[in-house]
């Protein structure tokens, strides 16, 4: 169970999926060879493909095993998780890891967006990855990144 919880959180954070999109992921939405996940029930009725790392694709293949139907992550009753349950899992896991900061699904989404921006992925690609209809929404990540840059700069030089 512990490994599955870790894989669930890893998948949520690396895909940048909204929690509402994540709970609707099916086993059939993962394209292992192509290392892509189809986020079919996205916000605004749109769907998008997001790339995943080869390591995550392999872990998901192992996790899915022989299953070809059903949710990508299922409860012990073989039903999909609710967004609320995903929030609880994140909260419990953060507490076990003695993380004092509030951890919630959208924070993971924001973190991957910011990381991609900091590692110089073009903002238009990040917009597509996160499924933002407006570039302005994605540009908010740039602003938080600039704020962190300013703080780091001031810390580094104010000795």
N, C-alpha and C. Protein backbone atom coordinates (compact mmCIF):
# COMPACT_ATOMS: atom_id res chain seq x y z
N UNK A 1 0.83 -1.21 0.00
CA UNK A 1 0.00 0.00 0.00
C UNK A 1 0.86 1.26 0.00
N UNK A 2 1.96 1.22 0.80
CA UNK A 2 2.82 2.39 0.92
C UNK A 2 3.43 2.77 -0.43
N UNK A 3 3.88 1.77 -1.18
CA UNK A 3 4.47 2.01 -2.49
C UNK A 3 3.46 2.60 -3.46
N UNK A 4 2.23 2.11 -3.37
CA UNK A 4 1.17 2.62 -4.24
C UNK A 4 0.88 4.08 -3.93
N UNK A 5 0.89 4.42 -2.66
CA UNK A 5 0.65 5.80 -2.25
C UNK A 5 1.75 6.71 -2.79
N UNK A 6 2.98 6.26 -2.71
CA UNK A 6 4.11 7.02 -3.24
C UNK A 6 3.99 7.20 -4.75
N UNK A 7 3.59 6.14 -5.43
CA UNK A 7 3.44 6.20 -6.89
C UNK A 7 2.29 7.13 -7.26
N UNK A 8 1.22 7.10 -6.49
CA UNK A 8 0.09 7.99 -6.71
C UNK A 8 0.54 9.45 -6.62
N UNK A 9 1.28 9.77 -5.57
CA UNK A 9 1.75 11.15 -5.36
C UNK A 9 2.75 11.54 -6.45
N UNK A 10 3.64 10.62 -6.79
CA UNK A 10 4.63 10.88 -7.84
C UNK A 10 3.93 11.16 -9.18
N UNK A 11 2.93 10.37 -9.50
CA UNK A 11 2.19 10.55 -10.75
C UNK A 11 1.45 11.88 -10.75
N UNK A 12 0.80 12.18 -9.64
CA UNK A 12 0.08 13.46 -9.52
C UNK A 12 1.04 14.63 -9.70
N UNK A 13 2.20 14.56 -9.05
CA UNK A 13 3.12 15.70 -9.12
C UNK A 13 3.83 15.80 -10.46
N UNK A 14 4.19 14.67 -11.09
CA UNK A 14 4.93 14.75 -12.35
C UNK A 14 4.04 15.05 -13.56
N UNK A 15 2.76 14.75 -13.46
CA UNK A 15 1.87 15.04 -14.59
C UNK A 15 1.29 16.45 -14.54
N UNK A 16 1.34 17.07 -13.37
CA UNK A 16 0.76 18.40 -13.23
C UNK A 16 -0.75 18.39 -13.36
N UNK A 17 -1.36 17.22 -13.21
CA UNK A 17 -2.81 17.10 -13.37
C UNK A 17 -3.54 17.80 -12.23
N UNK A 18 -4.68 18.38 -12.56
CA UNK A 18 -5.57 18.89 -11.52
C UNK A 18 -6.13 17.65 -10.82
N UNK A 19 -6.47 17.77 -9.55
CA UNK A 19 -6.98 16.61 -8.81
C UNK A 19 -8.25 16.05 -9.47
N UNK A 20 -9.08 16.94 -10.01
CA UNK A 20 -10.31 16.50 -10.68
C UNK A 20 -10.00 15.69 -11.95
N UNK A 21 -8.88 16.00 -12.60
CA UNK A 21 -8.46 15.25 -13.79
C UNK A 21 -7.82 13.93 -13.37
N UNK A 22 -7.03 14.00 -12.31
CA UNK A 22 -6.27 12.84 -11.84
C UNK A 22 -7.18 11.69 -11.43
N UNK A 23 -8.26 11.98 -10.71
CA UNK A 23 -9.14 10.91 -10.23
C UNK A 23 -9.89 10.23 -11.38
N UNK A 24 -9.93 10.88 -12.55
CA UNK A 24 -10.60 10.30 -13.70
C UNK A 24 -9.67 9.54 -14.64
N UNK A 25 -8.37 9.47 -14.31
CA UNK A 25 -7.44 8.74 -15.17
C UNK A 25 -7.76 7.25 -15.16
N UNK A 26 -7.78 6.66 -16.36
CA UNK A 26 -8.05 5.22 -16.52
C UNK A 26 -6.75 4.53 -16.90
N UNK A 27 -6.71 3.22 -16.71
CA UNK A 27 -5.52 2.46 -17.12
C UNK A 27 -5.27 2.64 -18.61
N UNK A 28 -6.34 2.74 -19.39
CA UNK A 28 -6.23 2.89 -20.84
C UNK A 28 -5.69 4.25 -21.27
N UNK A 29 -5.62 5.20 -20.32
CA UNK A 29 -5.12 6.54 -20.65
C UNK A 29 -3.59 6.62 -20.62
N UNK A 30 -2.95 5.55 -20.17
CA UNK A 30 -1.48 5.54 -20.10
C UNK A 30 -0.93 4.82 -21.33
N UNK A 31 -0.10 5.54 -22.07
CA UNK A 31 0.55 4.98 -23.25
C UNK A 31 2.00 4.74 -22.88
N UNK A 32 2.27 3.50 -22.49
CA UNK A 32 3.57 3.16 -21.92
C UNK A 32 4.71 3.35 -22.91
N UNK A 33 4.55 2.84 -24.13
CA UNK A 33 5.62 2.94 -25.13
C UNK A 33 5.92 4.40 -25.47
N UNK A 34 4.86 5.18 -25.62
CA UNK A 34 5.01 6.60 -26.01
C UNK A 34 5.38 7.47 -24.82
N UNK A 35 5.26 6.90 -23.60
CA UNK A 35 5.52 7.63 -22.36
C UNK A 35 4.66 8.90 -22.30
N UNK A 36 3.35 8.68 -22.48
CA UNK A 36 2.38 9.77 -22.45
C UNK A 36 1.16 9.33 -21.65
N UNK A 37 0.49 10.29 -21.07
CA UNK A 37 -0.79 10.05 -20.41
C UNK A 37 -1.81 10.98 -21.05
N UNK A 38 -2.96 10.43 -21.37
CA UNK A 38 -4.06 11.22 -21.89
C UNK A 38 -4.90 11.69 -20.71
N UNK A 39 -4.98 13.00 -20.56
CA UNK A 39 -5.88 13.55 -19.55
C UNK A 39 -7.15 13.87 -20.31
N UNK A 40 -8.09 12.92 -20.25
CA UNK A 40 -9.28 12.95 -21.10
C UNK A 40 -10.36 13.88 -20.57
N UNK A 41 -10.56 13.85 -19.26
CA UNK A 41 -11.63 14.69 -18.69
C UNK A 41 -11.01 15.92 -18.05
N UNK A 42 -10.48 16.79 -18.89
CA UNK A 42 -9.81 17.98 -18.39
C UNK A 42 -10.81 19.12 -18.21
N UNK A 43 -10.33 20.18 -17.58
CA UNK A 43 -11.15 21.36 -17.33
C UNK A 43 -11.62 21.93 -18.67
N UNK A 44 -12.84 22.39 -18.72
CA UNK A 44 -13.37 22.98 -19.94
C UNK A 44 -13.69 21.96 -21.01
N UNK A 45 -13.78 20.68 -20.62
CA UNK A 45 -14.13 19.62 -21.56
C UNK A 45 -13.05 19.29 -22.58
N UNK A 46 -11.86 19.86 -22.39
CA UNK A 46 -10.75 19.58 -23.32
C UNK A 46 -9.96 18.39 -22.81
N UNK A 47 -9.22 17.76 -23.73
CA UNK A 47 -8.29 16.73 -23.28
C UNK A 47 -6.91 17.09 -23.79
N UNK A 48 -5.91 16.53 -23.12
CA UNK A 48 -4.53 16.80 -23.53
C UNK A 48 -3.66 15.60 -23.20
N UNK A 49 -2.54 15.50 -23.91
CA UNK A 49 -1.56 14.47 -23.61
C UNK A 49 -0.44 15.12 -22.82
N UNK A 50 0.01 14.46 -21.78
CA UNK A 50 1.18 14.95 -21.05
C UNK A 50 2.26 13.88 -21.08
N UNK A 51 3.51 14.30 -21.28
CA UNK A 51 4.61 13.33 -21.28
C UNK A 51 4.91 12.87 -19.86
N UNK A 52 5.42 11.67 -19.74
CA UNK A 52 5.90 11.19 -18.44
C UNK A 52 7.31 10.65 -18.63
N UNK A 53 8.06 10.63 -17.56
CA UNK A 53 9.42 10.12 -17.61
C UNK A 53 9.41 8.60 -17.79
N UNK A 54 10.42 8.05 -18.47
CA UNK A 54 10.48 6.60 -18.68
C UNK A 54 10.35 5.80 -17.38
N UNK A 55 10.97 6.28 -16.32
CA UNK A 55 10.92 5.61 -15.02
C UNK A 55 9.48 5.53 -14.50
N UNK A 56 8.74 6.63 -14.63
CA UNK A 56 7.35 6.65 -14.18
C UNK A 56 6.50 5.71 -15.05
N UNK A 57 6.75 5.73 -16.35
CA UNK A 57 6.02 4.83 -17.26
C UNK A 57 6.21 3.37 -16.83
N UNK A 58 7.44 3.02 -16.48
CA UNK A 58 7.76 1.65 -16.06
C UNK A 58 7.07 1.31 -14.74
N UNK A 59 7.10 2.23 -13.80
CA UNK A 59 6.45 2.00 -12.50
C UNK A 59 4.94 1.85 -12.67
N UNK A 60 4.35 2.66 -13.56
CA UNK A 60 2.91 2.57 -13.79
C UNK A 60 2.55 1.26 -14.48
N UNK A 61 3.42 0.81 -15.40
CA UNK A 61 3.18 -0.46 -16.08
C UNK A 61 3.15 -1.60 -15.05
N UNK A 62 4.09 -1.57 -14.13
CA UNK A 62 4.14 -2.58 -13.07
C UNK A 62 2.90 -2.47 -12.18
N UNK A 63 2.52 -1.25 -11.83
CA UNK A 63 1.36 -1.00 -10.98
C UNK A 63 0.06 -1.52 -11.62
N UNK A 64 -0.10 -1.25 -12.91
CA UNK A 64 -1.31 -1.65 -13.63
C UNK A 64 -1.35 -3.16 -13.82
N UNK A 65 -0.19 -3.78 -14.04
CA UNK A 65 -0.12 -5.22 -14.23
C UNK A 65 -0.95 -5.66 -15.41
N UNK A 66 -1.84 -6.60 -15.19
CA UNK A 66 -2.67 -7.14 -16.27
C UNK A 66 -3.98 -6.37 -16.47
N UNK A 67 -4.23 -5.38 -15.60
CA UNK A 67 -5.49 -4.64 -15.72
C UNK A 67 -5.53 -3.83 -17.01
N UNK A 68 -6.66 -3.89 -17.69
CA UNK A 68 -6.84 -3.09 -18.91
C UNK A 68 -8.00 -2.11 -18.78
N UNK A 69 -8.79 -2.28 -17.73
CA UNK A 69 -9.92 -1.39 -17.48
C UNK A 69 -9.85 -0.87 -16.05
N UNK A 70 -10.67 0.13 -15.80
CA UNK A 70 -10.73 0.69 -14.44
C UNK A 70 -9.85 1.91 -14.30
N UNK A 71 -9.90 2.48 -13.11
CA UNK A 71 -9.12 3.68 -12.81
C UNK A 71 -7.64 3.33 -12.69
N UNK A 72 -6.80 4.30 -13.02
CA UNK A 72 -5.35 4.10 -12.90
C UNK A 72 -4.98 3.79 -11.45
N UNK A 73 -5.56 4.55 -10.52
CA UNK A 73 -5.39 4.29 -9.10
C UNK A 73 -6.76 4.00 -8.52
N UNK A 74 -6.86 2.89 -7.82
CA UNK A 74 -8.14 2.47 -7.27
C UNK A 74 -8.07 2.26 -5.77
N UNK A 75 -9.21 2.46 -5.13
CA UNK A 75 -9.32 2.18 -3.70
C UNK A 75 -9.31 0.66 -3.53
N UNK A 76 -9.29 0.20 -2.29
CA UNK A 76 -9.32 -1.25 -2.07
C UNK A 76 -10.66 -1.87 -2.46
N UNK A 77 -11.63 -1.02 -2.79
CA UNK A 77 -12.93 -1.52 -3.28
C UNK A 77 -13.00 -1.45 -4.81
N UNK A 78 -11.86 -1.24 -5.45
CA UNK A 78 -11.75 -1.15 -6.92
C UNK A 78 -12.60 -0.02 -7.51
N UNK A 79 -12.70 1.07 -6.75
CA UNK A 79 -13.37 2.26 -7.27
C UNK A 79 -12.35 3.38 -7.35
N UNK A 80 -12.70 4.43 -8.09
CA UNK A 80 -11.76 5.54 -8.19
C UNK A 80 -11.76 6.34 -6.90
N UNK A 81 -10.65 7.00 -6.65
CA UNK A 81 -10.55 7.87 -5.47
C UNK A 81 -11.36 9.13 -5.70
N UNK A 82 -11.82 9.72 -4.61
CA UNK A 82 -12.49 11.02 -4.71
C UNK A 82 -11.39 12.08 -4.59
N UNK A 83 -11.63 13.27 -5.13
CA UNK A 83 -10.65 14.35 -4.94
C UNK A 83 -10.34 14.58 -3.45
N UNK A 84 -11.37 14.49 -2.62
CA UNK A 84 -11.19 14.68 -1.18
C UNK A 84 -10.23 13.64 -0.59
N UNK A 85 -10.36 12.40 -1.03
CA UNK A 85 -9.47 11.33 -0.52
C UNK A 85 -8.02 11.57 -0.95
N UNK A 86 -7.84 12.08 -2.17
CA UNK A 86 -6.48 12.39 -2.64
C UNK A 86 -5.88 13.49 -1.75
N UNK A 87 -6.69 14.48 -1.40
CA UNK A 87 -6.23 15.54 -0.49
C UNK A 87 -5.80 14.95 0.85
N UNK A 88 -6.62 14.02 1.37
CA UNK A 88 -6.31 13.39 2.66
C UNK A 88 -5.02 12.58 2.57
N UNK A 89 -4.84 11.84 1.49
CA UNK A 89 -3.62 11.03 1.30
C UNK A 89 -2.39 11.93 1.31
N UNK A 90 -2.47 13.05 0.60
CA UNK A 90 -1.34 13.99 0.57
C UNK A 90 -1.06 14.55 1.96
N UNK A 91 -2.12 14.93 2.64
CA UNK A 91 -1.99 15.50 3.99
C UNK A 91 -1.35 14.49 4.94
N UNK A 92 -1.85 13.24 4.93
CA UNK A 92 -1.32 12.19 5.81
C UNK A 92 0.15 11.90 5.49
N UNK A 93 0.47 11.83 4.20
CA UNK A 93 1.83 11.52 3.78
C UNK A 93 2.78 12.63 4.19
N UNK A 94 2.35 13.88 4.05
CA UNK A 94 3.16 15.03 4.45
C UNK A 94 3.41 15.00 5.96
N UNK A 95 2.36 14.65 6.72
CA UNK A 95 2.50 14.57 8.18
C UNK A 95 3.49 13.48 8.57
N UNK A 96 3.40 12.31 7.90
CA UNK A 96 4.33 11.21 8.18
C UNK A 96 5.77 11.61 7.86
N UNK A 97 5.93 12.44 6.84
CA UNK A 97 7.26 12.90 6.44
C UNK A 97 7.71 14.12 7.26
N UNK A 98 6.87 14.48 8.24
CA UNK A 98 7.12 15.62 9.11
C UNK A 98 7.30 16.93 8.35
N UNK A 99 6.50 17.08 7.29
CA UNK A 99 6.46 18.33 6.54
C UNK A 99 5.44 19.21 7.23
N UNK A 100 5.86 20.39 7.65
CA UNK A 100 4.97 21.26 8.41
C UNK A 100 4.15 22.16 7.50
N UNK A 101 4.66 22.43 6.29
CA UNK A 101 3.94 23.25 5.33
C UNK A 101 2.67 22.50 4.89
N UNK A 102 1.61 23.25 4.59
CA UNK A 102 0.36 22.63 4.11
C UNK A 102 0.61 22.07 2.71
N UNK A 103 0.32 20.80 2.53
CA UNK A 103 0.50 20.14 1.23
C UNK A 103 -0.87 19.73 0.70
N UNK A 104 -1.14 20.10 -0.54
CA UNK A 104 -2.44 19.81 -1.17
C UNK A 104 -2.20 19.60 -2.65
N UNK A 105 -3.14 18.93 -3.34
CA UNK A 105 -2.90 18.56 -4.75
C UNK A 105 -2.47 19.71 -5.66
N UNK A 106 -3.09 20.88 -5.52
CA UNK A 106 -2.76 21.98 -6.43
C UNK A 106 -1.33 22.49 -6.20
N UNK A 107 -0.81 22.29 -5.00
CA UNK A 107 0.56 22.68 -4.71
C UNK A 107 1.54 21.88 -5.58
N UNK A 108 1.24 20.59 -5.76
CA UNK A 108 2.09 19.74 -6.60
C UNK A 108 2.05 20.22 -8.05
N UNK A 109 0.86 20.57 -8.50
CA UNK A 109 0.68 21.09 -9.86
C UNK A 109 1.48 22.38 -10.04
N UNK A 110 1.37 23.25 -9.05
CA UNK A 110 2.09 24.52 -9.10
C UNK A 110 3.61 24.28 -9.07
N UNK A 111 4.03 23.32 -8.26
CA UNK A 111 5.47 23.01 -8.14
C UNK A 111 6.06 22.53 -9.46
N UNK A 112 5.36 21.64 -10.16
CA UNK A 112 5.90 21.13 -11.42
C UNK A 112 5.93 22.25 -12.45
N UNK A 113 4.91 23.11 -12.46
CA UNK A 113 4.89 24.24 -13.39
C UNK A 113 6.07 25.18 -13.16
N UNK A 114 6.31 25.48 -11.89
CA UNK A 114 7.42 26.36 -11.52
C UNK A 114 8.76 25.72 -11.86
N UNK A 115 8.90 24.44 -11.56
CA UNK A 115 10.15 23.73 -11.86
C UNK A 115 10.44 23.74 -13.36
N UNK A 116 9.43 23.46 -14.17
CA UNK A 116 9.62 23.46 -15.63
C UNK A 116 10.05 24.84 -16.11
N UNK A 117 9.46 25.86 -15.53
CA UNK A 117 9.79 27.23 -15.90
C UNK A 117 11.24 27.55 -15.50
N UNK A 118 11.61 27.16 -14.28
CA UNK A 118 12.97 27.42 -13.79
C UNK A 118 14.01 26.68 -14.61
N UNK A 119 13.62 25.53 -15.15
CA UNK A 119 14.56 24.74 -15.96
C UNK A 119 14.42 25.07 -17.45
N UNK A 120 13.88 26.23 -17.71
CA UNK A 120 13.84 26.87 -19.02
C UNK A 120 13.02 26.13 -20.08
N UNK A 121 11.92 25.54 -19.68
CA UNK A 121 10.98 25.01 -20.67
C UNK A 121 10.20 26.22 -21.18
N UNK A 122 9.98 26.35 -22.49
CA UNK A 122 9.23 27.50 -23.00
C UNK A 122 7.84 27.59 -22.38
N UNK A 123 7.43 28.81 -22.04
CA UNK A 123 6.17 29.02 -21.32
C UNK A 123 4.97 28.50 -22.11
N UNK A 124 5.02 28.57 -23.45
CA UNK A 124 3.90 28.06 -24.26
C UNK A 124 3.77 26.55 -24.10
N UNK A 125 4.90 25.84 -23.93
CA UNK A 125 4.86 24.39 -23.70
C UNK A 125 4.33 24.07 -22.31
N UNK A 126 4.69 24.89 -21.34
CA UNK A 126 4.18 24.69 -19.98
C UNK A 126 2.67 24.92 -19.97
N UNK A 127 2.23 25.93 -20.71
CA UNK A 127 0.79 26.22 -20.82
C UNK A 127 0.06 24.99 -21.36
N UNK A 128 0.61 24.38 -22.39
CA UNK A 128 0.00 23.19 -22.99
C UNK A 128 0.03 22.01 -22.01
N UNK A 129 1.17 21.83 -21.34
CA UNK A 129 1.34 20.76 -20.36
C UNK A 129 0.31 20.86 -19.23
N UNK A 130 0.11 22.05 -18.72
CA UNK A 130 -0.82 22.25 -17.60
C UNK A 130 -2.27 22.38 -18.05
N UNK A 131 -2.48 22.55 -19.37
CA UNK A 131 -3.83 22.66 -19.89
C UNK A 131 -4.48 24.00 -19.59
N UNK A 132 -3.66 25.04 -19.53
CA UNK A 132 -4.21 26.38 -19.33
C UNK A 132 -4.74 26.91 -20.66
N UNK A 133 -5.96 27.42 -20.67
CA UNK A 133 -6.48 27.99 -21.91
C UNK A 133 -5.88 29.37 -22.17
N UNK A 134 -5.53 30.08 -21.10
CA UNK A 134 -4.94 31.42 -21.25
C UNK A 134 -3.48 31.42 -20.80
N UNK A 135 -2.65 32.06 -21.60
CA UNK A 135 -1.23 32.17 -21.26
C UNK A 135 -1.03 32.95 -19.95
N UNK A 136 -1.94 33.89 -19.68
CA UNK A 136 -1.83 34.70 -18.45
C UNK A 136 -1.81 33.81 -17.20
N UNK A 137 -2.59 32.75 -17.24
CA UNK A 137 -2.64 31.83 -16.09
C UNK A 137 -1.26 31.22 -15.87
N UNK A 138 -0.62 30.79 -16.94
CA UNK A 138 0.71 30.19 -16.85
C UNK A 138 1.73 31.23 -16.41
N UNK A 139 1.55 32.47 -16.84
CA UNK A 139 2.51 33.53 -16.49
C UNK A 139 2.55 33.82 -15.00
N UNK A 140 1.51 33.42 -14.27
CA UNK A 140 1.53 33.57 -12.81
C UNK A 140 2.67 32.74 -12.21
N UNK A 141 2.99 31.61 -12.84
CA UNK A 141 4.11 30.78 -12.39
C UNK A 141 5.42 31.54 -12.56
N UNK A 142 5.53 32.29 -13.65
CA UNK A 142 6.74 33.08 -13.91
C UNK A 142 6.91 34.13 -12.82
N UNK A 143 5.79 34.73 -12.40
CA UNK A 143 5.87 35.75 -11.36
C UNK A 143 6.33 35.16 -10.04
N UNK A 144 5.84 33.97 -9.67
CA UNK A 144 6.27 33.37 -8.40
C UNK A 144 7.74 32.98 -8.50
N UNK A 145 8.18 32.59 -9.69
CA UNK A 145 9.56 32.22 -9.92
C UNK A 145 10.46 33.45 -9.80
N UNK A 146 10.01 34.58 -10.34
CA UNK A 146 10.76 35.84 -10.26
C UNK A 146 10.88 36.29 -8.81
N UNK A 147 9.80 36.11 -8.06
CA UNK A 147 9.80 36.47 -6.64
C UNK A 147 10.85 35.64 -5.88
N UNK A 148 10.91 34.34 -6.18
CA UNK A 148 11.91 33.47 -5.53
C UNK A 148 13.32 33.88 -5.94
N UNK A 149 13.49 34.28 -7.19
CA UNK A 149 14.79 34.73 -7.69
C UNK A 149 15.24 35.95 -6.89
N UNK A 150 14.33 36.90 -6.70
CA UNK A 150 14.65 38.12 -5.96
C UNK A 150 15.06 37.78 -4.52
N UNK A 151 14.29 36.90 -3.89
CA UNK A 151 14.60 36.50 -2.50
C UNK A 151 15.97 35.83 -2.41
N UNK A 152 16.26 34.92 -3.34
CA UNK A 152 17.54 34.21 -3.35
C UNK A 152 18.69 35.18 -3.57
N UNK A 153 18.48 36.10 -4.48
CA UNK A 153 19.48 37.11 -4.83
C UNK A 153 19.81 37.95 -3.59
N UNK A 154 18.76 38.40 -2.92
CA UNK A 154 18.97 39.25 -1.73
C UNK A 154 19.66 38.46 -0.61
N UNK A 155 19.27 37.21 -0.43
CA UNK A 155 19.92 36.37 0.59
C UNK A 155 21.39 36.19 0.26
N UNK A 156 21.68 35.93 -1.01
CA UNK A 156 23.05 35.66 -1.43
C UNK A 156 23.96 36.88 -1.27
N UNK A 157 23.42 38.06 -1.55
CA UNK A 157 24.27 39.25 -1.53
C UNK A 157 24.23 40.05 -0.26
N UNK A 158 23.27 39.83 0.62
CA UNK A 158 23.23 40.61 1.85
C UNK A 158 23.94 39.85 2.96
N UNK A 159 25.24 39.92 2.93
CA UNK A 159 26.06 39.24 3.93
C UNK A 159 26.63 40.27 4.89
